[in-house]
Amino acid sequence: MIKLSMMAAATVFLLTAGPAGAEDWSRSWSGPHGGSRTIAGQCGSHSCSRTVDVTGPRGRSWSRSAGVVQGPFRSYGYRTATGPAGRGYAAGRVWRRF
C-alpha cells in the first residue's frame, strides 16, 4: 500500500511539473496491418518519465510507463503496465543517496 501511495504521489508530481519545454519528446509508428505505437517522454526539474502506448492490429492495446523522481536524499523510480484485459501492475523503488 505504501508503494502504491508513493507511486501516486510521484505521478502527481510528474504531471504537475510545469509547462512543456524542450525536454518533451514523442515518437509514433503505424504498422502495415493497423497496429500503432506511441512513445512519449518528459524530463523536468529533478524528474523524468516515459510512456509507451501500443495498439495491435485487432484493436487490443496495452500501456507501459516508467519514471524517476530525484530528491535531495533519495530517489524514487516507478513502473506500471496495463494489458489488453485491463489488468495492471505497478512497482516502485526508493534509493537512498548519501
Foldseek 3Di string as FASTA:
>chain_A
DVFVVVVVVVVVCVVVVDDDDPQKDKDKDADPLGKIKIKIKGDDDQKIKIKIWIADSVGQIKIKMKMKGDDDFKIKIKIKIAGSVRDMDIDMDMGTDD
